[in-house]
Structure formats: C-alpha cells, structure tokens
C-alpha cells in the first residue's frame, strides 16, 4: 500500500530529533536486543528491568489501568501487569455507577482480591465524576440536594476498598472552560451543591482516609493551544483557591491523554505549568498516559516510533520535576484500549482501505496487541533512567 505520508516525515528519517526522542530511539535499540530502533521489537522482556523497577530506582512508581478481565488468573495479559506494575488502577470498577448494587460491590471485592493476590497496590480512580453517577442518585439529587448521599458514598467506598490505596482521585474532571469565570463544569454536583462541593468532597475523603494522598484529576493540560492554555490557567486558579481555603488537597492528577492530531506540543509550556503546581507544595501524578495516533497508513514500525517520540518529549518535560511521583498508563496493551479507531479516523485516508484492509488498532500503549513490547515502552524506560541519573547527580 502506498503511503500518504511523505517519506521525510518518518521519525527515523528526520535530520534533527529532539534530545528526548533521540534518547528514546537509542533506548529502543538498547532495551530490545537484536532489534533496530525502527524495526519490530522482540517479544521477550527487555532488560535491564521492569518498568516498576526502573521507576522505583528513580523515586517514582509505575502502574497501569486494567479491567477485571485483564487481571483474571487465566488472562494472557495478567503477566504484563504482574511484571511491569507496582499498582493497578480499576478502569471502571471503582466508579460510583459501578458500585450501585450488591453484585457491583462483590465485583469490586473480587477485583481488589485479584490485585492483592498479585502483590500490587490499588489506585483510587475515582470518587466523584460527573459521568459515573447512578441514575437513581442523579434523580434524587436533582429533586432534593442532600450532601449526605455524596458523603456516604465517599466514606463507604474508602472504608471498603481503601486499605491499600495511597492516592485517591477525589474529583475527576471538575473543569469545563468557556462557560463560567471559574471554569467549573456545570452539571449535577455544581447545580446541587455549588462550587464548594469540591472542597467538601476532599474533606469527606480526608476524614475517611487521613493518611492517603488526595488528588484532583484533570485532562487537557498538555498542548500549546488556546483551550488547553485556558484549562491550565483555570486548574491553577482552582488549586490556589482550595489551598487558600485550607482544603486537604495533596496533589494534581494530570491525565496525559496525548494526541498526535492536536496542535504543537510545547515541552516548556508543560514544564512551566507543572513547576507552578509544584511551587504550591503539591505532588503530581501522571494518571492516564496514552497516545492517540494521527497517521494510520504508515508501517507499524514508523507509527510506533512516532508514539514513542511523543511520549519521550512529554516525559522529558514532566519528569524533570521532583514533584512528579508516578506515571500510570491507561492500559498496558493495544489489545485493550479506549482509543478505538473511529469512522472519522478512517475517513481521513479515503484511498487507503479500498481493498478491505484496515490499520488495526490504535498503537498508543507500551505493548502491542500480541503482547510484544514496543518503542513506547522503551521511551518510558529511558525517561525513568534519565530521571534516576538526574536524581543521583543532585
């Protein structure tokens, strides 16, 4: 199939790579013995260690989101989580609308048991999210706002599942720029309880988990484009307001859903933003890292290098800050990813799929659909090693 992308746009054909991309490509060759940086990675585990080991040596933790089916004992993906991750994030099982019945709770109990059986910690995703409220709760709060319903959910969830959870994402995606001066997302919680619902939720979580780290988790903080510049500004304003009010907040979750279809990525813009967050005395966790692709007609090798180069740029900017404590990818293998290819994706290359072929899956996670490590994994490993070297030299 003829490529629709000029040859000179290939990552491996560019004359000038940024520093981190160069490190990532070198890491791909060094961590995958017997494979070139632009070739297919070997299926065996790359040396010199797992991602959780490399992260630990850099004073970080590494984890990944998983559905229960991925960590069941018979799952072929389970071994990747066992090997690579220090913690595991319930992709949906800990959301409120997945904890609405006794059967739901039993499912989460089983999930927690599987994670503990692997010797891993859980990550608290998430207590309040506007997209995961049971319909009966929406109906009740819409008619007669009663904070006790929200407080009971927060406290009972933490009491039941929180013994191994160090970080709780207390409020997920509270911002929606363009509608209010404070940038807060309209909807159920804001309408029922006003802007103070965020602080109130943090206080409920702190009472239930006094030793845990409590986060606000937000997306769209990554690119040098107007809407994301605005979201960064509003995020800083919200954090400042919460701290001034004495809210028990310990950090910011930066989702890190990267997208090669977006505008320019500025390492400096991201680094400056994270520096401001760190300057408030807050910790930072990269909570949902993955990459949506742009060019689908190139070979898997070229596509994988583009993803790896972008991840390298991002982590180069993020991990220079000691306030960043961990990196979580939103999945571990392309086989299971929320980043499905859409009809719009396919329509961008109208001449490419006439023979009935397709580009397969979005290639935005560390392992491919055959569970083989990709250059993205090498880029993450290289970033952890660079952080370890930087830490050791300070």
Protein backbone atom coordinates (compact mmCIF):
# COMPACT_ATOMS: atom_id res chain seq x y z
CA UNK A 1 0.00 0.00 0.00
CA UNK A 2 1.35 3.39 -0.93
CA UNK A 3 1.90 5.72 1.98
CA UNK A 4 0.02 9.01 2.14
CA UNK A 5 2.69 10.50 4.39
CA UNK A 6 5.85 11.97 2.85
CA UNK A 7 8.92 9.85 3.48
CA UNK A 8 10.74 12.70 5.13
CA UNK A 9 8.12 12.85 7.87
CA UNK A 10 9.17 9.47 9.22
CA UNK A 11 10.55 9.80 12.75
CA UNK A 12 13.57 7.72 11.85
CA UNK A 13 14.20 9.86 8.75
CA UNK A 14 14.21 13.28 10.35
CA UNK A 15 17.53 15.06 10.28
CA UNK A 16 17.11 16.64 13.69
CA UNK A 17 15.50 14.80 16.56
CA UNK A 18 14.86 16.47 19.87
CA UNK A 19 17.02 15.31 22.74
CA UNK A 20 14.45 13.07 24.36
CA UNK A 21 13.34 11.49 21.09
CA UNK A 22 16.97 10.63 20.42
CA UNK A 23 17.25 9.06 23.87
CA UNK A 24 14.03 7.13 23.25
CA UNK A 25 15.27 5.74 19.94
CA UNK A 26 18.59 4.78 21.46
CA UNK A 27 16.70 3.19 24.33
CA UNK A 28 14.61 1.19 21.90
CA UNK A 29 17.71 -0.29 20.34
CA UNK A 30 19.42 -0.87 23.69
CA UNK A 31 16.43 -2.28 25.54
CA UNK A 32 15.34 -4.57 22.73
CA UNK A 33 18.49 -6.58 21.87
CA UNK A 34 18.56 -7.81 18.33
CA UNK A 35 16.08 -5.22 17.02
CA UNK A 36 16.78 -1.95 15.32
CA UNK A 37 15.18 1.21 16.66
CA UNK A 38 12.87 1.29 13.63
CA UNK A 39 12.21 -2.43 13.48
CA UNK A 40 9.91 -4.89 15.22
CA UNK A 41 10.59 -5.35 18.89
CA UNK A 42 11.33 -8.76 20.34
CA UNK A 43 8.62 -10.40 22.43
CA UNK A 44 10.82 -11.20 25.43
CA UNK A 45 11.06 -8.81 28.37
CA UNK A 46 13.59 -6.08 27.63
CA UNK A 47 16.49 -5.65 30.02
CA UNK A 48 17.64 -4.11 32.31
CA UNK A 49 14.44 -4.43 34.32
CA UNK A 50 10.73 -3.98 34.57
CA UNK A 51 9.10 -0.57 34.41
CA UNK A 52 8.21 -0.76 38.09
CA UNK A 53 11.87 -1.46 38.93
CA UNK A 54 13.15 1.36 36.74
CA UNK A 55 10.56 3.73 38.16
CA UNK A 56 11.45 2.73 41.71
CA UNK A 57 15.12 3.42 41.07
CA UNK A 58 14.08 6.93 40.01
CA UNK A 59 11.97 7.52 43.11
CA UNK A 60 8.73 7.00 41.16
CA UNK A 61 6.01 4.41 40.85
CA UNK A 62 4.65 2.92 37.65
CA UNK A 63 1.18 1.49 37.19
CA UNK A 64 -1.50 0.86 34.59
CA UNK A 65 -5.27 0.76 34.35
CA UNK A 66 -6.96 -2.61 33.88
CA UNK A 67 -10.40 -4.07 33.54
CA UNK A 68 -11.06 -7.11 35.70
CA UNK A 69 -10.93 -9.43 32.69
CA UNK A 70 -7.30 -8.41 32.11
CA UNK A 71 -6.10 -9.44 35.57
CA UNK A 72 -8.08 -12.65 35.92
CA UNK A 73 -5.79 -15.61 36.54
CA UNK A 74 -6.45 -17.08 33.10
CA UNK A 75 -5.86 -13.78 31.26
CA UNK A 76 -2.81 -13.71 28.97
CA UNK A 77 -2.38 -10.03 29.85
CA UNK A 78 -2.09 -10.63 33.60
CA UNK A 79 1.63 -11.42 33.43
CA UNK A 80 2.35 -7.97 31.98
CA UNK A 81 0.68 -6.29 34.94
CA UNK A 82 2.49 -8.59 37.36
CA UNK A 83 5.84 -7.87 35.77
CA UNK A 84 5.60 -4.18 34.94
CA UNK A 85 3.34 -2.53 37.51
CA UNK A 86 3.65 -1.54 41.15
CA UNK A 87 -0.02 -0.55 41.25
CA UNK A 88 -3.14 -1.23 39.23
CA UNK A 89 -6.00 1.16 38.51
CA UNK A 90 -9.57 -0.12 38.20
CA UNK A 91 -10.52 1.30 34.81
CA UNK A 92 -14.21 1.49 35.72
CA UNK A 93 -14.90 -0.87 38.60
CA UNK A 94 -14.36 1.74 41.35
CA UNK A 95 -16.59 4.38 39.74
CA UNK A 96 -19.81 5.20 41.58
CA UNK A 97 -22.13 3.80 38.91
CA UNK A 98 -20.22 0.51 39.13
CA UNK A 99 -20.81 0.32 42.90
CA UNK A 100 -24.58 0.69 42.93
CA UNK A 101 -25.67 -2.85 43.77
CA UNK A 102 -24.51 -5.70 45.99
CA UNK A 103 -23.35 -7.51 42.85
CA UNK A 104 -21.32 -4.45 41.85
CA UNK A 105 -19.62 -4.37 45.23
CA UNK A 106 -18.86 -8.07 45.04
CA UNK A 107 -17.26 -7.47 41.66
CA UNK A 108 -15.02 -4.78 43.12
CA UNK A 109 -14.20 -7.00 46.10
CA UNK A 110 -13.12 -9.68 43.64
CA UNK A 111 -11.08 -7.12 41.69
CA UNK A 112 -9.33 -5.95 44.85
CA UNK A 113 -8.62 -9.56 45.78
CA UNK A 114 -7.01 -10.22 42.41
CA UNK A 115 -4.82 -7.14 42.74
CA UNK A 116 -3.74 -8.01 46.28
CA UNK A 117 -3.07 -11.57 45.17
CA UNK A 118 -0.61 -10.17 42.64
CA UNK A 119 1.13 -8.25 45.42
CA UNK A 120 0.10 -4.90 43.92
CA UNK A 121 -1.48 -1.76 45.33
CA UNK A 122 -4.71 -0.21 44.10
CA UNK A 123 -5.08 3.36 42.86
CA UNK A 124 -8.25 5.24 43.75
CA UNK A 125 -9.95 6.11 40.45
CA UNK A 126 -12.31 7.81 41.16
CA UNK A 127 -14.73 9.01 43.87
CA UNK A 128 -16.69 11.77 42.07
CA UNK A 129 -17.01 12.01 38.30
CA UNK A 130 -19.91 13.60 36.51
CA UNK A 131 -20.06 10.71 34.05
CA UNK A 132 -20.29 7.92 36.62
CA UNK A 133 -23.21 8.79 38.89
CA UNK A 134 -26.01 6.17 39.19
CA UNK A 135 -29.24 7.33 37.60
CA UNK A 136 -31.17 6.96 40.84
CA UNK A 137 -28.68 9.31 42.54
CA UNK A 138 -28.97 11.79 39.69
CA UNK A 139 -32.74 11.75 40.05
CA UNK A 140 -32.64 12.17 43.84
CA UNK A 141 -30.09 14.99 43.88
CA UNK A 142 -31.90 16.74 41.06
CA UNK A 143 -35.08 16.88 43.10
CA UNK A 144 -33.71 17.44 46.62
CA UNK A 145 -29.96 18.02 47.00
CA UNK A 146 -28.70 16.11 50.02
CA UNK A 147 -24.96 16.13 50.65
CA UNK A 148 -25.31 13.13 52.94
CA UNK A 149 -25.76 10.93 49.86
CA UNK A 150 -22.43 12.05 48.43
CA UNK A 151 -20.69 11.91 51.81
CA UNK A 152 -21.93 8.38 52.41
CA UNK A 153 -20.63 7.23 49.02
CA UNK A 154 -17.18 8.73 49.60
CA UNK A 155 -16.79 7.42 53.13
CA UNK A 156 -18.18 3.95 52.50
CA UNK A 157 -16.09 3.46 49.34
CA UNK A 158 -12.89 4.42 51.12
CA UNK A 159 -13.77 2.30 54.14
CA UNK A 160 -14.44 -0.75 51.99
CA UNK A 161 -11.61 -0.58 49.46
CA UNK A 162 -9.10 1.96 50.69
CA UNK A 163 -6.73 -0.01 52.87
CA UNK A 164 -4.13 -0.41 50.09
CA UNK A 165 -4.85 2.88 48.30
CA UNK A 166 -2.28 5.65 48.76
CA UNK A 167 -3.67 8.06 46.13
CA UNK A 168 -7.37 8.87 45.71
CA UNK A 169 -8.66 10.87 42.76
CA UNK A 170 -11.38 12.60 44.75
CA UNK A 171 -12.88 14.73 41.96
CA UNK A 172 -12.32 13.80 38.34
CA UNK A 173 -12.53 16.41 35.56
CA UNK A 174 -14.12 19.27 37.51
CA UNK A 175 -13.34 21.88 34.82
CA UNK A 176 -15.06 22.78 31.57
CA UNK A 177 -13.63 26.07 30.23
CA UNK A 178 -15.76 28.57 28.34
CA UNK A 179 -18.93 28.64 30.40
CA UNK A 180 -18.11 30.17 33.81
CA UNK A 181 -15.45 32.56 35.03
CA UNK A 182 -14.11 29.95 37.45
CA UNK A 183 -14.11 27.30 34.74
CA UNK A 184 -16.05 24.78 36.81
CA UNK A 185 -18.03 22.18 34.95
CA UNK A 186 -21.77 22.69 35.08
CA UNK A 187 -23.93 19.74 35.90
CA UNK A 188 -25.20 17.67 38.78
CA UNK A 189 -22.69 18.44 41.53
CA UNK A 190 -22.31 22.14 40.81
CA UNK A 191 -26.06 22.65 40.43
CA UNK A 192 -26.88 20.73 43.61
CA UNK A 193 -24.14 21.98 45.93
CA UNK A 194 -22.40 24.96 44.36
CA UNK A 195 -18.63 25.44 43.86
CA UNK A 196 -17.81 24.29 47.41
CA UNK A 197 -18.67 20.69 46.54
CA UNK A 198 -15.01 20.10 45.59
CA UNK A 199 -13.67 21.19 48.96
CA UNK A 200 -16.45 19.32 50.75
CA UNK A 201 -15.57 16.14 48.87
CA UNK A 202 -11.90 16.50 49.78
CA UNK A 203 -12.84 16.95 53.43
CA UNK A 204 -15.00 13.83 53.39
CA UNK A 205 -12.18 11.84 51.82
CA UNK A 206 -9.63 13.18 54.32
CA UNK A 207 -11.85 12.18 57.22
CA UNK A 208 -12.17 8.64 55.83
CA UNK A 209 -8.54 8.26 54.71
CA UNK A 210 -6.38 10.55 56.87
CA UNK A 211 -3.07 9.11 55.62
CA UNK A 212 -3.93 8.98 51.90
CA UNK A 213 -2.90 11.50 49.24
CA UNK A 214 -5.91 13.29 47.78
CA UNK A 215 -5.91 14.47 44.16
CA UNK A 216 -7.94 16.49 41.72
CA UNK A 217 -7.66 14.73 38.34
CA UNK A 218 -7.93 16.72 35.09
CA UNK A 219 -7.39 16.26 31.35
CA UNK A 220 -6.44 18.61 28.52
CA UNK A 221 -3.42 20.19 30.23
CA UNK A 222 -0.78 19.18 27.72
CA UNK A 223 -0.75 21.20 24.47
CA UNK A 224 0.08 24.74 23.43
CA UNK A 225 -3.38 25.56 22.12
CA UNK A 226 -5.94 28.08 23.39
CA UNK A 227 -8.37 25.72 25.10
CA UNK A 228 -5.60 23.87 26.93
CA UNK A 229 -3.80 27.06 27.91
CA UNK A 230 -7.12 28.16 29.39
CA UNK A 231 -7.58 24.85 31.18
CA UNK A 232 -4.10 25.10 32.70
CA UNK A 233 -4.84 28.62 33.92
CA UNK A 234 -8.15 27.56 35.45
CA UNK A 235 -6.58 24.50 37.05
CA UNK A 236 -4.01 26.68 38.78
CA UNK A 237 -6.74 29.04 39.93
CA UNK A 238 -8.78 26.14 41.38
CA UNK A 239 -5.78 24.71 43.20
CA UNK A 240 -4.89 28.11 44.64
CA UNK A 241 -8.46 28.61 45.83
CA UNK A 242 -8.58 25.21 47.52
CA UNK A 243 -5.25 25.76 49.25
CA UNK A 244 -6.24 29.21 50.46
CA UNK A 245 -9.40 27.72 51.92
CA UNK A 246 -7.43 25.07 53.77
CA UNK A 247 -8.80 22.15 51.76
CA UNK A 248 -6.98 18.84 52.31
CA UNK A 249 -5.57 18.51 48.82
CA UNK A 250 -2.16 16.92 48.25
CA UNK A 251 -1.72 16.88 44.52
CA UNK A 252 -2.88 17.06 40.94
CA UNK A 253 -3.52 14.16 38.64
CA UNK A 254 -2.52 15.09 35.07
CA UNK A 255 -4.22 12.61 32.80
CA UNK A 256 -1.78 12.86 29.90
CA UNK A 257 -4.05 11.59 27.12
CA UNK A 258 -1.74 12.66 24.31
CA UNK A 259 -2.97 13.16 20.78
CA UNK A 260 -0.84 13.38 17.66
CA UNK A 261 -3.77 15.03 15.87
CA UNK A 262 -3.59 18.11 18.10
CA UNK A 263 -1.54 21.24 17.59
CA UNK A 264 2.02 21.87 18.73
CA UNK A 265 3.29 20.26 21.91
CA UNK A 266 5.45 22.61 23.92
CA UNK A 267 7.73 20.99 26.46
CA UNK A 268 8.29 24.41 28.01
CA UNK A 269 4.57 25.13 28.42
CA UNK A 270 4.04 21.80 30.19
CA UNK A 271 7.16 22.17 32.32
CA UNK A 272 6.22 25.69 33.37
CA UNK A 273 2.71 24.58 34.32
CA UNK A 274 3.98 21.67 36.38
CA UNK A 275 6.52 23.97 38.04
CA UNK A 276 3.67 26.22 39.18
CA UNK A 277 1.80 23.24 40.60
CA UNK A 278 4.93 22.03 42.36
CA UNK A 279 5.54 25.55 43.68
CA UNK A 280 2.27 25.27 45.59
CA UNK A 281 3.75 22.34 47.52
CA UNK A 282 1.58 19.81 45.65
CA UNK A 283 2.52 16.43 44.28
CA UNK A 284 1.85 15.46 40.66
CA UNK A 285 0.88 12.08 39.24
CA UNK A 286 0.60 11.35 35.51
CA UNK A 287 -2.57 9.31 35.77
CA UNK A 288 -3.83 8.16 32.33
CA UNK A 289 -0.95 8.26 29.86
CA UNK A 290 -1.55 7.07 26.30
CA UNK A 291 -1.35 8.40 22.74
CA UNK A 292 -3.98 8.81 20.05
CA UNK A 293 -2.40 8.43 16.62
CA UNK A 294 -2.71 10.72 13.60
CA UNK A 295 -1.16 8.89 10.61
CA UNK A 296 -2.58 5.40 10.17
CA UNK A 297 -1.15 4.44 6.78
CA UNK A 298 2.50 4.15 7.73
CA UNK A 299 4.06 0.87 8.80
CA UNK A 300 3.65 -0.20 12.45
CA UNK A 301 7.36 0.44 12.98
CA UNK A 302 7.09 4.09 11.91
CA UNK A 303 3.84 4.62 13.80
CA UNK A 304 5.38 3.14 16.93
CA UNK A 305 8.37 5.46 16.70
CA UNK A 306 6.11 8.50 16.40
CA UNK A 307 4.24 7.44 19.51
CA UNK A 308 7.50 6.76 21.35
CA UNK A 309 8.98 10.10 20.32
CA UNK A 310 5.93 11.96 21.58
CA UNK A 311 5.95 10.07 24.88
CA UNK A 312 9.64 10.85 25.22
CA UNK A 313 9.07 14.57 24.71
CA UNK A 314 6.25 14.56 27.22
CA UNK A 315 8.07 12.65 29.95
CA UNK A 316 11.25 14.66 29.40
CA UNK A 317 9.29 17.76 30.40
CA UNK A 318 7.27 16.13 33.16
CA UNK A 319 9.90 14.10 34.98
CA UNK A 320 12.32 16.99 35.41
CA UNK A 321 10.13 17.96 38.38
CA UNK A 322 10.73 16.08 41.65
CA UNK A 323 7.08 16.78 42.49
CA UNK A 324 6.08 14.17 39.89
CA UNK A 325 5.72 10.97 41.91
CA UNK A 326 4.43 8.44 39.44
CA UNK A 327 3.33 7.52 35.93
CA UNK A 328 0.23 5.47 35.12
CA UNK A 329 -0.65 4.36 31.60
CA UNK A 330 -4.31 3.94 30.69
CA UNK A 331 -3.90 0.29 29.85
CA UNK A 332 -0.84 -1.81 29.08
CA UNK A 333 -1.56 -3.27 25.62
CA UNK A 334 -3.19 -2.02 22.44
CA UNK A 335 -5.45 -5.08 22.67
CA UNK A 336 -7.46 -3.30 25.39
CA UNK A 337 -7.65 0.48 24.93
CA UNK A 338 -10.40 3.07 25.00
CA UNK A 339 -8.67 4.66 21.99
CA UNK A 340 -10.59 2.83 19.31
CA UNK A 341 -10.24 3.88 15.71
CA UNK A 342 -13.31 5.82 14.63
CA UNK A 343 -15.08 6.34 11.34
CA UNK A 344 -13.55 9.82 11.27
CA UNK A 345 -10.09 8.30 11.62
CA UNK A 346 -10.69 6.03 8.66
CA UNK A 347 -12.22 8.84 6.61
CA UNK A 348 -9.04 10.88 6.85
CA UNK A 349 -7.41 8.37 4.48
CA UNK A 350 -10.17 7.74 1.92
CA UNK A 351 -7.93 5.97 -0.59
CA UNK A 352 -6.21 3.68 1.88
CA UNK A 353 -8.71 0.95 2.76
CA UNK A 354 -10.40 0.18 -0.56
CA UNK A 355 -9.01 -3.36 -0.56
CA UNK A 356 -10.84 -4.12 2.69
CA UNK A 357 -7.75 -3.86 4.86
CA UNK A 358 -7.57 -1.65 7.93
CA UNK A 359 -4.91 -0.10 10.16
CA UNK A 360 -5.80 -2.42 13.01
CA UNK A 361 -5.74 -0.89 16.48
CA UNK A 362 -4.54 2.45 17.77
CA UNK A 363 -0.91 1.86 18.78
CA UNK A 364 -0.75 4.14 21.81
CA UNK A 365 0.24 1.83 24.70
CA UNK A 366 3.51 0.15 25.75
CA UNK A 367 2.70 -3.33 24.36
CA UNK A 368 1.11 -4.27 21.06
CA UNK A 369 -1.94 -6.49 20.59
CA UNK A 370 0.31 -9.56 20.55
CA UNK A 371 1.73 -8.51 23.92
CA UNK A 372 5.12 -7.59 22.49
CA UNK A 373 6.97 -4.57 23.93
CA UNK A 374 7.05 -1.53 21.65
CA UNK A 375 9.28 1.55 21.42
CA UNK A 376 6.79 3.37 23.68
CA UNK A 377 7.85 1.05 26.47
CA UNK A 378 11.49 1.82 25.73
CA UNK A 379 10.74 5.56 25.80
CA UNK A 380 9.13 5.25 29.24
CA UNK A 381 12.06 3.17 30.47
CA UNK A 382 14.55 5.72 29.11
CA UNK A 383 12.66 8.53 30.85
CA UNK A 384 12.82 6.70 34.15
CA UNK A 385 16.54 6.07 33.70
CA UNK A 386 17.13 9.73 32.88
CA UNK A 387 15.22 10.75 36.00
CA UNK A 388 17.33 8.35 38.08
CA UNK A 389 20.54 9.81 36.67
CA UNK A 390 19.32 13.34 37.33
CA UNK A 391 18.35 12.45 40.90
CA UNK A 392 21.71 10.79 41.55
CA UNK A 393 23.64 13.82 40.30
CA UNK A 394 21.76 16.26 42.54
